[in-house]
Amino acid sequence: MGFEVRFEYSDDMKAFAITAPMQSAVEDVQEPIAGDGEVVIDVSRVGICGTDQEYFTGEMVYLHTGKAGYPMRIGHEWCGTVSAIGNGVDKKWLGQRVTGDTMLGCGTCYRCTSGRQHVCESRSEVGISHGFAGALAEKFLIPARALHALPDSIDDAMGAMVEPGGNSLRASQAALAGPGRNILIWGTGTIGLLAALFAQAAGANVYLIGRNEQTIALAKKIGIKNTSKQIPQLPTGFDAVIDATNDPDIPALAVSTVEPGGRIVYIGIAGEASYVDSRVITLADVTVIGILSGSPGLAGTIEMYASGKVDPRPLIAATISMQQVGDIFLGKRPAGAGDGPKIHIDPRI
């Protein structure tokens, strides 16, 4: 049984929608009204990610399985302020700066009640599936149970980087990043760079591989010194490998690169099937872990950002208006953009 999402609306506001493959628009839509257990967010910052790009091109798998369809209101990396609350919501949330979970489970199944609501079979995903409108708008609606409060030490830019940070922190933790461990990370996109920062903050020796000259240079600038286009040769090998790419060949390469008894963490998803020989995994006694969501890592990411141990802001190349988002999907770089892989939108400008 699917997760039913209900909306009520009043006055008009601006929202970004992908209306068909390669087509988008900033539309006048009705403002949301908080129902039971819900809050309205005044959105201050939203990040664009690869999933959003796949909706724009029409490649996203959910479009072909019935979990999503056009028009698509995207936006699952966000922060903002609670401006209205519905019945049953603690008044402490009113006026609170927040970010929130993307994954909204049914709340009653075995997975939800055992702390794994992010893999609930009936889950909705904010701005991704089952018609749940995303945050790329002036306001949007979300259940209060999904909220995470942001301290004053986390600004809007950092707040909208909590969701990708949650994914990256989980990848770093799955690799058992810590003092003396050699961690190889494939991919210098947002997730790879953040995973490298988290792993390094945990004390690991991080080796980062990328293809993009700009993001390789950025990685070195933010302190990931061992960044290159080639796999480095170490006398002791790699205790863990994190695949943060969309390259279908990397999963098998990861198996051949990790030390026997080591760990492989798959967080990148290729557009086509990847093939790995399970015999090699078994004979090398390798542990393989897949990371789907940042949900279990959101609180930890907020703590890391607030403490100053990890600063995600250098990864943000530019902050733009909703009217410029369509150009980003068409491959146009904003004037004056930095080297970072992440583009942010401020719906208020």
C-alpha atoms as a PDB file:
ATOM      1  CA  MET A   1       0.000   0.000   0.000  1.00  0.00           C
ATOM      2  CA  GLY A   2       1.494   3.338  -1.039  1.00  0.00           C
ATOM      3  CA  PHE A   3       2.112   6.329   1.188  1.00  0.00           C
ATOM      4  CA  GLU A   4      -0.676   8.878   0.664  1.00  0.00           C
ATOM      5  CA  VAL A   5       0.414  12.518   0.574  1.00  0.00           C
ATOM      6  CA  ARG A   6      -2.224  15.196   1.088  1.00  0.00           C
ATOM      7  CA  PHE A   7      -1.887  18.914   0.432  1.00  0.00           C
ATOM      8  CA  GLU A   8      -4.147  21.874   1.125  1.00  0.00           C
ATOM      9  CA  TYR A   9      -3.377  25.289  -0.328  1.00  0.00           C
ATOM     10  CA  SER A  10      -4.218  28.985  -0.016  1.00  0.00           C
ATOM     11  CA  ASP A  11      -2.416  31.939  -1.661  1.00  0.00           C
ATOM     12  CA  ASP A  12      -0.041  31.869  -4.604  1.00  0.00           C
ATOM     13  CA  MET A  13       3.729  31.440  -4.419  1.00  0.00           C
ATOM     14  CA  LYS A  14       6.572  30.610  -6.806  1.00  0.00           C
ATOM     15  CA  ALA A  15       7.794  27.046  -7.304  1.00  0.00           C
ATOM     16  CA  PHE A  16      10.117  25.335  -9.780  1.00  0.00           C
ATOM     17  CA  ALA A  17       8.778  22.355 -11.716  1.00  0.00           C
ATOM     18  CA  ILE A  18      10.174  19.958 -14.297  1.00  0.00           C
ATOM     19  CA  THR A  19       7.218  19.662 -16.642  1.00  0.00           C
ATOM     20  CA  ALA A  20       8.577  17.101 -19.146  1.00  0.00           C
ATOM     21  CA  PRO A  21      11.962  15.749 -20.249  1.00  0.00           C
ATOM     22  CA  MET A  22      14.237  18.743 -20.940  1.00  0.00           C
ATOM     23  CA  GLN A  23      11.497  21.209 -19.988  1.00  0.00           C
ATOM     24  CA  SER A  24      11.014  23.251 -16.816  1.00  0.00           C
ATOM     25  CA  ALA A  25       9.277  26.374 -15.528  1.00  0.00           C
ATOM     26  CA  VAL A  26       8.901  28.631 -12.512  1.00  0.00           C
ATOM     27  CA  GLU A  27       5.191  28.461 -11.792  1.00  0.00           C
ATOM     28  CA  ASP A  28       2.615  30.239  -9.645  1.00  0.00           C
ATOM     29  CA  VAL A  29       1.191  27.618  -7.305  1.00  0.00           C
ATOM     30  CA  GLN A  30      -0.870  27.770  -4.149  1.00  0.00           C
ATOM     31  CA  GLU A  31       0.810  28.058  -0.773  1.00  0.00           C
ATOM     32  CA  PRO A  32       0.614  24.985   1.456  1.00  0.00           C
ATOM     33  CA  ILE A  33      -1.431  24.862   4.658  1.00  0.00           C
ATOM     34  CA  ALA A  34      -0.170  22.639   7.489  1.00  0.00           C
ATOM     35  CA  GLY A  35      -2.458  19.735   8.337  1.00  0.00           C
ATOM     36  CA  ASP A  36      -2.270  17.393  11.302  1.00  0.00           C
ATOM     37  CA  GLY A  37       1.349  16.614  12.160  1.00  0.00           C
ATOM     38  CA  GLU A  38       2.682  18.869   9.387  1.00  0.00           C
ATOM     39  CA  VAL A  39       4.637  22.110   9.166  1.00  0.00           C
ATOM     40  CA  VAL A  40       5.119  24.760   6.501  1.00  0.00           C
ATOM     41  CA  ILE A  41       8.703  25.738   5.736  1.00  0.00           C
ATOM     42  CA  ASP A  42       9.800  29.135   4.459  1.00  0.00           C
ATOM     43  CA  VAL A  43      12.647  27.893   2.268  1.00  0.00           C
ATOM     44  CA  SER A  44      15.969  29.703   2.411  1.00  0.00           C
ATOM     45  CA  ARG A  45      18.296  27.402   0.458  1.00  0.00           C
ATOM     46  CA  VAL A  46      18.022  24.343  -1.805  1.00  0.00           C
ATOM     47  CA  GLY A  47      20.739  22.251  -3.448  1.00  0.00           C
ATOM     48  CA  ILE A  48      20.596  20.582  -6.860  1.00  0.00           C
ATOM     49  CA  CYS A  49      21.873  17.014  -7.114  1.00  0.00           C
ATOM     50  CA  GLY A  50      22.328  14.337  -9.759  1.00  0.00           C
ATOM     51  CA  THR A  51      18.873  12.879  -9.096  1.00  0.00           C
ATOM     52  CA  ASP A  52      17.309  16.215 -10.056  1.00  0.00           C
ATOM     53  CA  GLN A  53      19.316  16.241 -13.279  1.00  0.00           C
ATOM     54  CA  GLU A  54      18.058  12.742 -14.106  1.00  0.00           C
ATOM     55  CA  TYR A  55      14.464  13.925 -13.718  1.00  0.00           C
ATOM     56  CA  PHE A  56      15.204  16.762 -16.120  1.00  0.00           C
ATOM     57  CA  THR A  57      16.662  14.419 -18.761  1.00  0.00           C
ATOM     58  CA  GLY A  58      13.995  11.771 -18.167  1.00  0.00           C
ATOM     59  CA  GLU A  59      16.544   9.103 -17.157  1.00  0.00           C
ATOM     60  CA  MET A  60      15.477   8.752 -13.527  1.00  0.00           C
ATOM     61  CA  VAL A  61      14.341   5.165 -12.953  1.00  0.00           C
ATOM     62  CA  TYR A  62      11.303   6.204 -10.867  1.00  0.00           C
ATOM     63  CA  LEU A  63       9.807   7.788 -13.981  1.00  0.00           C
ATOM     64  CA  HIS A  64       9.772   4.345 -15.583  1.00  0.00           C
ATOM     65  CA  THR A  65       8.531   2.355 -12.581  1.00  0.00           C
ATOM     66  CA  GLY A  66       5.552   4.537 -11.703  1.00  0.00           C
ATOM     67  CA  LYS A  67       6.993   5.999  -8.489  1.00  0.00           C
ATOM     68  CA  ALA A  68       7.173   9.467 -10.055  1.00  0.00           C
ATOM     69  CA  GLY A  69       5.828  11.424 -12.995  1.00  0.00           C
ATOM     70  CA  TYR A  70       5.632  14.905 -14.476  1.00  0.00           C
ATOM     71  CA  PRO A  71       5.159  17.633 -13.457  1.00  0.00           C
ATOM     72  CA  MET A  72       7.918  17.087 -10.907  1.00  0.00           C
ATOM     73  CA  ARG A  73       8.496  19.460  -7.999  1.00  0.00           C
ATOM     74  CA  ILE A  74      12.109  18.748  -7.009  1.00  0.00           C
ATOM     75  CA  GLY A  75      14.254  19.761  -4.042  1.00  0.00           C
ATOM     76  CA  HIS A  76      15.406  17.378  -1.306  1.00  0.00           C
ATOM     77  CA  GLU A  77      18.546  19.162  -0.061  1.00  0.00           C
ATOM     78  CA  TRP A  78      17.194  22.165   1.828  1.00  0.00           C
ATOM     79  CA  CYS A  79      16.993  24.336   4.874  1.00  0.00           C
ATOM     80  CA  GLY A  80      14.509  26.950   6.024  1.00  0.00           C
ATOM     81  CA  THR A  81      12.380  28.195   8.884  1.00  0.00           C
ATOM     82  CA  VAL A  82       9.135  26.732  10.207  1.00  0.00           C
ATOM     83  CA  SER A  83       6.490  29.394   9.566  1.00  0.00           C
ATOM     84  CA  ALA A  84       3.302  27.456  10.397  1.00  0.00           C
ATOM     85  CA  ILE A  85       2.382  24.267  12.257  1.00  0.00           C
ATOM     86  CA  GLY A  86      -0.586  21.932  12.125  1.00  0.00           C
ATOM     87  CA  ASN A  87      -2.525  20.215  14.880  1.00  0.00           C
ATOM     88  CA  GLY A  88      -0.453  17.934  17.060  1.00  0.00           C
ATOM     89  CA  VAL A  89       2.860  19.630  16.297  1.00  0.00           C
ATOM     90  CA  ASP A  90       4.961  20.859  19.214  1.00  0.00           C
ATOM     91  CA  LYS A  91       4.949  24.672  19.258  1.00  0.00           C
ATOM     92  CA  LYS A  92       8.720  24.646  19.811  1.00  0.00           C
ATOM     93  CA  TRP A  93       9.116  24.177  16.047  1.00  0.00           C
ATOM     94  CA  LEU A  94       7.477  27.497  15.176  1.00  0.00           C
ATOM     95  CA  GLY A  95      10.215  29.925  14.071  1.00  0.00           C
ATOM     96  CA  GLN A  96      12.905  27.212  14.278  1.00  0.00           C
ATOM     97  CA  ARG A  97      15.522  26.963  11.534  1.00  0.00           C
ATOM     98  CA  VAL A  98      15.512  23.386  10.267  1.00  0.00           C
ATOM     99  CA  THR A  99      16.446  20.886   7.647  1.00  0.00           C
ATOM    100  CA  GLY A 100      14.717  17.547   7.182  1.00  0.00           C
ATOM    101  CA  ASP A 101      14.798  13.914   6.176  1.00  0.00           C
ATOM    102  CA  THR A 102      14.140  13.061   2.541  1.00  0.00           C
ATOM    103  CA  MET A 103      12.819   9.584   3.314  1.00  0.00           C
ATOM    104  CA  LEU A 104       9.325   9.407   4.825  1.00  0.00           C
ATOM    105  CA  GLY A 105       8.345   5.887   5.811  1.00  0.00           C
ATOM    106  CA  CYS A 106       4.838   4.689   6.618  1.00  0.00           C
ATOM    107  CA  GLY A 107       5.748   4.608  10.319  1.00  0.00           C
ATOM    108  CA  THR A 108       4.089   1.280  11.092  1.00  0.00           C
ATOM    109  CA  CYS A 109       5.894  -1.474   9.164  1.00  0.00           C
ATOM    110  CA  TYR A 110       8.717  -3.616  10.566  1.00  0.00           C
ATOM    111  CA  ARG A 111      11.395  -1.534   8.842  1.00  0.00           C
ATOM    112  CA  CYS A 112      10.042   1.730  10.221  1.00  0.00           C
ATOM    113  CA  THR A 113       9.583   0.426  13.758  1.00  0.00           C
ATOM    114  CA  SER A 114      13.106  -1.052  13.738  1.00  0.00           C
ATOM    115  CA  GLY A 115      14.746   2.259  12.813  1.00  0.00           C
ATOM    116  CA  ARG A 116      15.045   1.699   9.067  1.00  0.00           C
ATOM    117  CA  GLN A 117      12.258   3.927   7.774  1.00  0.00           C
ATOM    118  CA  HIS A 118      14.545   5.078   4.946  1.00  0.00           C
ATOM    119  CA  VAL A 119      14.085   1.648   3.319  1.00  0.00           C
ATOM    120  CA  CYS A 120      10.347   1.376   4.005  1.00  0.00           C
ATOM    121  CA  GLU A 121       8.646  -0.260   1.025  1.00  0.00           C
ATOM    122  CA  SER A 122       5.861   2.339   1.158  1.00  0.00           C
ATOM    123  CA  ARG A 123       8.076   5.369   1.737  1.00  0.00           C
ATOM    124  CA  SER A 124       7.689   8.695  -0.023  1.00  0.00           C
ATOM    125  CA  GLU A 125      10.799  10.691  -0.881  1.00  0.00           C
ATOM    126  CA  VAL A 126      10.629  14.478  -0.665  1.00  0.00           C
ATOM    127  CA  GLY A 127      10.946  15.949  -4.148  1.00  0.00           C
ATOM    128  CA  ILE A 128      11.657  12.503  -5.575  1.00  0.00           C
ATOM    129  CA  SER A 129       8.774  10.021  -5.418  1.00  0.00           C
ATOM    130  CA  HIS A 130       5.026   9.525  -4.974  1.00  0.00           C
ATOM    131  CA  GLY A 131       4.219  13.123  -5.868  1.00  0.00           C
ATOM    132  CA  PHE A 132       5.662  14.586  -2.685  1.00  0.00           C
ATOM    133  CA  ALA A 133       6.416  18.198  -3.635  1.00  0.00           C
ATOM    134  CA  GLY A 134      10.010  19.197  -3.004  1.00  0.00           C
ATOM    135  CA  ALA A 135      11.566  22.269  -1.464  1.00  0.00           C
ATOM    136  CA  LEU A 136      12.480  24.188  -4.618  1.00  0.00           C
ATOM    137  CA  ALA A 137       9.777  26.748  -3.883  1.00  0.00           C
ATOM    138  CA  GLU A 138       9.186  29.700  -1.622  1.00  0.00           C
ATOM    139  CA  LYS A 139       7.367  27.403   0.827  1.00  0.00           C
ATOM    140  CA  PHE A 140       6.748  23.700   1.157  1.00  0.00           C
ATOM    141  CA  LEU A 141       5.002  21.200   3.410  1.00  0.00           C
ATOM    142  CA  ILE A 142       6.616  18.379   5.363  1.00  0.00           C
ATOM    143  CA  PRO A 143       5.717  16.164   8.356  1.00  0.00           C
ATOM    144  CA  ALA A 144       7.148  17.479  11.612  1.00  0.00           C
ATOM    145  CA  ARG A 145       8.601  14.034  12.347  1.00  0.00           C
ATOM    146  CA  ALA A 146      11.099  14.583   9.513  1.00  0.00           C
ATOM    147  CA  LEU A 147      12.579  17.776  10.982  1.00  0.00           C
ATOM    148  CA  HIS A 148      16.077  18.329  12.339  1.00  0.00           C
ATOM    149  CA  ALA A 149      16.768  21.583  14.190  1.00  0.00           C
ATOM    150  CA  LEU A 150      19.772  23.641  13.082  1.00  0.00           C
ATOM    151  CA  PRO A 151      21.923  25.518  15.607  1.00  0.00           C
ATOM    152  CA  ASP A 152      22.959  29.117  14.928  1.00  0.00           C
ATOM    153  CA  SER A 153      26.477  27.920  14.074  1.00  0.00           C
ATOM    154  CA  ILE A 154      25.100  26.302  10.895  1.00  0.00           C
ATOM    155  CA  ASP A 155      24.199  28.916   8.291  1.00  0.00           C
ATOM    156  CA  ASP A 156      21.803  28.433   5.367  1.00  0.00           C
ATOM    157  CA  ALA A 157      24.511  27.176   3.014  1.00  0.00           C
ATOM    158  CA  MET A 158      25.609  24.519   5.504  1.00  0.00           C
ATOM    159  CA  GLY A 159      22.017  23.654   6.338  1.00  0.00           C
ATOM    160  CA  ALA A 160      21.257  22.707   2.745  1.00  0.00           C
ATOM    161  CA  MET A 161      24.385  20.538   2.727  1.00  0.00           C
ATOM    162  CA  VAL A 162      23.215  18.351   5.619  1.00  0.00           C
ATOM    163  CA  GLU A 163      21.370  15.862   3.392  1.00  0.00           C
ATOM    164  CA  PRO A 164      24.344  15.067   1.110  1.00  0.00           C
ATOM    165  CA  GLY A 165      26.508  15.186   4.215  1.00  0.00           C
ATOM    166  CA  GLY A 166      24.406  12.470   5.827  1.00  0.00           C
ATOM    167  CA  ASN A 167      25.095  10.168   2.896  1.00  0.00           C
ATOM    168  CA  SER A 168      28.795  10.928   2.967  1.00  0.00           C
ATOM    169  CA  LEU A 169      29.124  10.514   6.725  1.00  0.00           C
ATOM    170  CA  ARG A 170      27.464   7.114   6.504  1.00  0.00           C
ATOM    171  CA  ALA A 171      29.887   6.089   3.740  1.00  0.00           C
ATOM    172  CA  SER A 172      32.846   7.182   5.861  1.00  0.00           C
ATOM    173  CA  GLN A 173      31.516   5.326   8.896  1.00  0.00           C
ATOM    174  CA  ALA A 174      30.827   2.195   6.836  1.00  0.00           C
ATOM    175  CA  ALA A 175      34.469   2.290   5.724  1.00  0.00           C
ATOM    176  CA  LEU A 176      35.428   2.350   9.429  1.00  0.00           C
ATOM    177  CA  ALA A 177      37.416   5.523   8.807  1.00  0.00           C
ATOM    178  CA  GLY A 178      39.776   6.146  11.702  1.00  0.00           C
ATOM    179  CA  PRO A 179      43.422   6.727  12.650  1.00  0.00           C
ATOM    180  CA  GLY A 180      45.887   4.707  10.593  1.00  0.00           C
ATOM    181  CA  ARG A 181      43.334   3.389   8.093  1.00  0.00           C
ATOM    182  CA  ASN A 182      43.994   3.934   4.397  1.00  0.00           C
ATOM    183  CA  ILE A 183      40.753   4.888   2.643  1.00  0.00           C
ATOM    184  CA  LEU A 184      40.516   5.135  -1.146  1.00  0.00           C
ATOM    185  CA  ILE A 185      37.590   7.203  -2.441  1.00  0.00           C
ATOM    186  CA  TRP A 186      36.581   7.206  -6.094  1.00  0.00           C
ATOM    187  CA  GLY A 187      34.801  10.371  -7.230  1.00  0.00           C
ATOM    188  CA  THR A 188      35.338  14.093  -6.644  1.00  0.00           C
ATOM    189  CA  GLY A 189      31.681  15.091  -6.835  1.00  0.00           C
ATOM    190  CA  THR A 190      29.807  16.350  -3.784  1.00  0.00           C
ATOM    191  CA  ILE A 191      29.497  12.943  -2.096  1.00  0.00           C
ATOM    192  CA  GLY A 192      33.102  11.920  -2.738  1.00  0.00           C
ATOM    193  CA  LEU A 193      34.496  15.229  -1.486  1.00  0.00           C
ATOM    194  CA  LEU A 194      32.331  15.211   1.630  1.00  0.00           C
ATOM    195  CA  ALA A 195      33.158  11.561   2.341  1.00  0.00           C
ATOM    196  CA  ALA A 196      36.829  12.479   2.081  1.00  0.00           C
ATOM    197  CA  LEU A 197      36.383  15.350   4.546  1.00  0.00           C
ATOM    198  CA  PHE A 198      34.504  13.158   7.033  1.00  0.00           C
ATOM    199  CA  ALA A 199      37.023  10.319   6.743  1.00  0.00           C
ATOM    200  CA  GLN A 200      39.934  12.703   7.178  1.00  0.00           C
ATOM    201  CA  ALA A 201      38.234  14.319  10.176  1.00  0.00           C
ATOM    202  CA  ALA A 202      38.022  10.822  11.693  1.00  0.00           C
ATOM    203  CA  GLY A 203      41.799  10.484  11.346  1.00  0.00           C
ATOM    204  CA  ALA A 204      42.002   8.278   8.256  1.00  0.00           C
ATOM    205  CA  ASN A 205      44.633   8.560   5.534  1.00  0.00           C
ATOM    206  CA  VAL A 206      42.458   9.575   2.571  1.00  0.00           C
ATOM    207  CA  TYR A 207      43.301   8.991  -1.078  1.00  0.00           C
ATOM    208  CA  LEU A 208      40.884  10.555  -3.548  1.00  0.00           C
ATOM    209  CA  ILE A 209      40.600   9.770  -7.262  1.00  0.00           C
ATOM    210  CA  GLY A 210      38.830  12.045  -9.737  1.00  0.00           C
ATOM    211  CA  ARG A 211      38.596  13.010 -13.391  1.00  0.00           C
ATOM    212  CA  ASN A 212      37.569  16.651 -13.212  1.00  0.00           C
ATOM    213  CA  GLU A 213      40.519  19.048 -13.004  1.00  0.00           C
ATOM    214  CA  GLN A 214      38.463  21.683 -11.182  1.00  0.00           C
ATOM    215  CA  THR A 215      37.254  19.403  -8.427  1.00  0.00           C
ATOM    216  CA  ILE A 216      40.675  17.765  -8.086  1.00  0.00           C
ATOM    217  CA  ALA A 217      42.139  21.227  -7.534  1.00  0.00           C
ATOM    218  CA  LEU A 218      39.350  22.023  -5.081  1.00  0.00           C
ATOM    219  CA  ALA A 219      39.995  18.809  -3.150  1.00  0.00           C
ATOM    220  CA  LYS A 220      43.625  19.784  -2.659  1.00  0.00           C
ATOM    221  CA  LYS A 221      42.605  23.323  -1.681  1.00  0.00           C
ATOM    222  CA  ILE A 222      40.315  22.048   1.090  1.00  0.00           C
ATOM    223  CA  GLY A 223      43.029  19.791   2.472  1.00  0.00           C
ATOM    224  CA  ILE A 224      42.661  16.430   0.708  1.00  0.00           C
ATOM    225  CA  LYS A 225      46.319  16.318  -0.303  1.00  0.00           C
ATOM    226  CA  ASN A 226      46.398  12.816  -1.788  1.00  0.00           C
ATOM    227  CA  THR A 227      44.147  13.579  -4.752  1.00  0.00           C
ATOM    228  CA  SER A 228      44.948  12.469  -8.284  1.00  0.00           C
ATOM    229  CA  LYS A 229      43.619  10.790 -11.428  1.00  0.00           C
ATOM    230  CA  GLN A 230      45.464   7.528 -10.785  1.00  0.00           C
ATOM    231  CA  ILE A 231      45.238   4.824  -8.128  1.00  0.00           C
ATOM    232  CA  PRO A 232      48.185   5.387  -5.767  1.00  0.00           C
ATOM    233  CA  GLN A 233      50.396   2.446  -4.933  1.00  0.00           C
ATOM    234  CA  LEU A 234      50.687   1.746  -1.215  1.00  0.00           C
ATOM    235  CA  PRO A 235      52.848  -0.907   0.443  1.00  0.00           C
ATOM    236  CA  THR A 236      49.973  -1.964   2.705  1.00  0.00           C
ATOM    237  CA  GLY A 237      47.041  -1.462   0.299  1.00  0.00           C
ATOM    238  CA  PHE A 238      43.661   0.088   1.111  1.00  0.00           C
ATOM    239  CA  ASP A 239      41.712  -0.900   4.184  1.00  0.00           C
ATOM    240  CA  ALA A 240      38.516   0.389   2.560  1.00  0.00           C
ATOM    241  CA  VAL A 241      37.327   1.678  -0.806  1.00  0.00           C
ATOM    242  CA  ILE A 242      34.355   4.013  -1.293  1.00  0.00           C
ATOM    243  CA  ASP A 243      32.771   4.200  -4.744  1.00  0.00           C
ATOM    244  CA  ALA A 244      31.095   7.605  -5.064  1.00  0.00           C
ATOM    245  CA  THR A 245      30.874   7.569  -8.864  1.00  0.00           C
ATOM    246  CA  ASN A 246      28.275   6.666 -11.489  1.00  0.00           C
ATOM    247  CA  ASP A 247      30.797   4.630 -13.473  1.00  0.00           C
ATOM    248  CA  PRO A 248      29.630   1.007 -13.978  1.00  0.00           C
ATOM    249  CA  ASP A 249      33.246  -0.197 -14.127  1.00  0.00           C
ATOM    250  CA  ILE A 250      34.311   1.110 -10.716  1.00  0.00           C
ATOM    251  CA  PRO A 251      32.507  -1.485  -8.517  1.00  0.00           C
ATOM    252  CA  ALA A 252      34.631  -4.302  -9.944  1.00  0.00           C
ATOM    253  CA  LEU A 253      37.777  -2.180  -9.742  1.00  0.00           C
ATOM    254  CA  ALA A 254      37.021  -1.525  -6.095  1.00  0.00           C
ATOM    255  CA  VAL A 255      36.999  -5.276  -5.416  1.00  0.00           C
ATOM    256  CA  SER A 256      40.411  -5.689  -7.039  1.00  0.00           C
ATOM    257  CA  THR A 257      41.834  -2.698  -5.139  1.00  0.00           C
ATOM    258  CA  VAL A 258      40.794  -3.284  -1.530  1.00  0.00           C
ATOM    259  CA  GLU A 259      42.970  -5.285   0.835  1.00  0.00           C
ATOM    260  CA  PRO A 260      41.820  -8.813   1.755  1.00  0.00           C
ATOM    261  CA  GLY A 261      39.641  -8.503   4.826  1.00  0.00           C
ATOM    262  CA  GLY A 262      38.856  -4.903   3.933  1.00  0.00           C
ATOM    263  CA  ARG A 263      35.628  -3.053   3.178  1.00  0.00           C
ATOM    264  CA  ILE A 264      33.957  -1.719   0.048  1.00  0.00           C
ATOM    265  CA  VAL A 265      31.256   0.928   0.300  1.00  0.00           C
ATOM    266  CA  TYR A 266      28.997   1.533  -2.701  1.00  0.00           C
ATOM    267  CA  ILE A 267      27.191   4.868  -2.588  1.00  0.00           C
ATOM    268  CA  GLY A 268      27.365   5.907  -6.250  1.00  0.00           C
ATOM    269  CA  ILE A 269      24.770   4.495  -8.649  1.00  0.00           C
ATOM    270  CA  ALA A 270      25.511   3.944 -12.326  1.00  0.00           C
ATOM    271  CA  GLY A 271      22.948   4.400 -15.079  1.00  0.00           C
ATOM    272  CA  GLU A 272      23.487   0.792 -16.130  1.00  0.00           C
ATOM    273  CA  ALA A 273      24.174  -2.472 -14.362  1.00  0.00           C
ATOM    274  CA  SER A 274      27.550  -3.056 -12.730  1.00  0.00           C
ATOM    275  CA  TYR A 275      28.963  -6.573 -12.558  1.00  0.00           C
ATOM    276  CA  VAL A 276      31.105  -7.885  -9.724  1.00  0.00           C
ATOM    277  CA  ASP A 277      32.472 -11.413  -9.330  1.00  0.00           C
ATOM    278  CA  SER A 278      31.228 -12.554  -5.916  1.00  0.00           C
ATOM    279  CA  ARG A 279      33.906 -15.277  -5.856  1.00  0.00           C
ATOM    280  CA  VAL A 280      36.587 -12.603  -5.605  1.00  0.00           C
ATOM    281  CA  ILE A 281      34.727 -10.965  -2.718  1.00  0.00           C
ATOM    282  CA  THR A 282      34.358 -14.263  -0.853  1.00  0.00           C
ATOM    283  CA  LEU A 283      37.908 -15.473  -1.389  1.00  0.00           C
ATOM    284  CA  ALA A 284      39.280 -12.115  -0.197  1.00  0.00           C
ATOM    285  CA  ASP A 285      36.940 -12.045   2.822  1.00  0.00           C
ATOM    286  CA  VAL A 286      35.765  -8.564   1.834  1.00  0.00           C
ATOM    287  CA  THR A 287      32.787  -6.822   3.430  1.00  0.00           C
ATOM    288  CA  VAL A 288      30.539  -4.964   0.966  1.00  0.00           C
ATOM    289  CA  ILE A 289      28.090  -2.277   2.104  1.00  0.00           C
ATOM    290  CA  GLY A 290      25.547  -0.263   0.135  1.00  0.00           C
ATOM    291  CA  ILE A 291      24.428   3.210   1.235  1.00  0.00           C
ATOM    292  CA  LEU A 292      21.011   4.373   0.012  1.00  0.00           C
ATOM    293  CA  SER A 293      20.170   7.401   2.116  1.00  0.00           C
ATOM    294  CA  GLY A 294      21.567  10.032   4.428  1.00  0.00           C
ATOM    295  CA  SER A 295      18.692   9.553   6.899  1.00  0.00           C
ATOM    296  CA  PRO A 296      20.624   7.774   9.690  1.00  0.00           C
ATOM    297  CA  GLY A 297      23.499  10.236   9.289  1.00  0.00           C
ATOM    298  CA  LEU A 298      21.679  13.584   9.432  1.00  0.00           C
ATOM    299  CA  ALA A 299      22.050  14.189  13.167  1.00  0.00           C
ATOM    300  CA  GLY A 300      25.724  13.245  13.083  1.00  0.00           C
ATOM    301  CA  THR A 301      26.328  15.540  10.123  1.00  0.00           C
ATOM    302  CA  ILE A 302      24.747  18.475  11.947  1.00  0.00           C
ATOM    303  CA  GLU A 303      27.047  17.784  14.903  1.00  0.00           C
ATOM    304  CA  MET A 304      30.132  17.646  12.666  1.00  0.00           C
ATOM    305  CA  TYR A 305      29.242  20.859  10.857  1.00  0.00           C
ATOM    306  CA  ALA A 306      28.379  22.672  14.089  1.00  0.00           C
ATOM    307  CA  SER A 307      31.677  21.640  15.672  1.00  0.00           C
ATOM    308  CA  GLY A 308      33.656  22.992  12.727  1.00  0.00           C
ATOM    309  CA  LYS A 309      35.308  19.624  12.068  1.00  0.00           C
ATOM    310  CA  VAL A 310      33.847  19.594   8.539  1.00  0.00           C
ATOM    311  CA  ASP A 311      32.924  22.684   6.506  1.00  0.00           C
ATOM    312  CA  PRO A 312      30.947  21.872   3.321  1.00  0.00           C
ATOM    313  CA  ARG A 313      30.696  25.447   2.047  1.00  0.00           C
ATOM    314  CA  PRO A 314      33.754  25.391  -0.256  1.00  0.00           C
ATOM    315  CA  LEU A 315      31.890  22.774  -2.352  1.00  0.00           C
ATOM    316  CA  ILE A 316      29.194  25.320  -3.284  1.00  0.00           C
ATOM    317  CA  ALA A 317      30.069  26.939  -6.619  1.00  0.00           C
ATOM    318  CA  ALA A 318      27.247  29.482  -6.734  1.00  0.00           C
ATOM    319  CA  THR A 319      23.887  30.458  -5.251  1.00  0.00           C
ATOM    320  CA  ILE A 320      21.286  31.400  -7.852  1.00  0.00           C
ATOM    321  CA  SER A 321      17.589  32.251  -8.247  1.00  0.00           C
ATOM    322  CA  MET A 322      14.834  29.837  -9.295  1.00  0.00           C
ATOM    323  CA  GLN A 323      14.721  31.549 -12.701  1.00  0.00           C
ATOM    324  CA  GLN A 324      18.281  30.334 -13.388  1.00  0.00           C
ATOM    325  CA  VAL A 325      17.747  26.667 -12.535  1.00  0.00           C
ATOM    326  CA  GLY A 326      16.673  25.633 -16.028  1.00  0.00           C
ATOM    327  CA  ASP A 327      19.959  26.935 -17.420  1.00  0.00           C
ATOM    328  CA  ILE A 328      21.889  24.821 -14.902  1.00  0.00           C
ATOM    329  CA  PHE A 329      20.103  21.679 -16.100  1.00  0.00           C
ATOM    330  CA  LEU A 330      21.048  22.637 -19.665  1.00  0.00           C
ATOM    331  CA  GLY A 331      24.707  22.700 -18.671  1.00  0.00           C
ATOM    332  CA  LYS A 332      25.238  26.449 -18.318  1.00  0.00           C
ATOM    333  CA  ARG A 333      27.578  27.520 -15.540  1.00  0.00           C
ATOM    334  CA  PRO A 334      26.591  30.656 -13.585  1.00  0.00           C
ATOM    335  CA  ALA A 335      28.814  33.686 -14.120  1.00  0.00           C
ATOM    336  CA  GLY A 336      31.489  33.859 -11.445  1.00  0.00           C
ATOM    337  CA  ALA A 337      30.878  30.293 -10.248  1.00  0.00           C
ATOM    338  CA  GLY A 338      33.610  28.658  -8.211  1.00  0.00           C
ATOM    339  CA  ASP A 339      35.167  25.221  -8.678  1.00  0.00           C
ATOM    340  CA  GLY A 340      32.744  23.346  -6.410  1.00  0.00           C
ATOM    341  CA  PRO A 341      30.332  20.720  -7.760  1.00  0.00           C
ATOM    342  CA  LYS A 342      27.258  22.012  -5.898  1.00  0.00           C
ATOM    343  CA  ILE A 343      24.796  24.682  -7.042  1.00  0.00           C
ATOM    344  CA  HIS A 344      22.439  26.230  -4.501  1.00  0.00           C
ATOM    345  CA  ILE A 345      19.196  28.132  -5.036  1.00  0.00           C
ATOM    346  CA  ASP A 346      17.790  30.848  -2.820  1.00  0.00           C
ATOM    347  CA  PRO A 347      14.034  30.966  -3.609  1.00  0.00           C
ATOM    348  CA  ARG A 348      13.808  34.438  -2.066  1.00  0.00           C
ATOM    349  CA  ILE A 349      15.868  36.126  -4.806  1.00  0.00           C
END
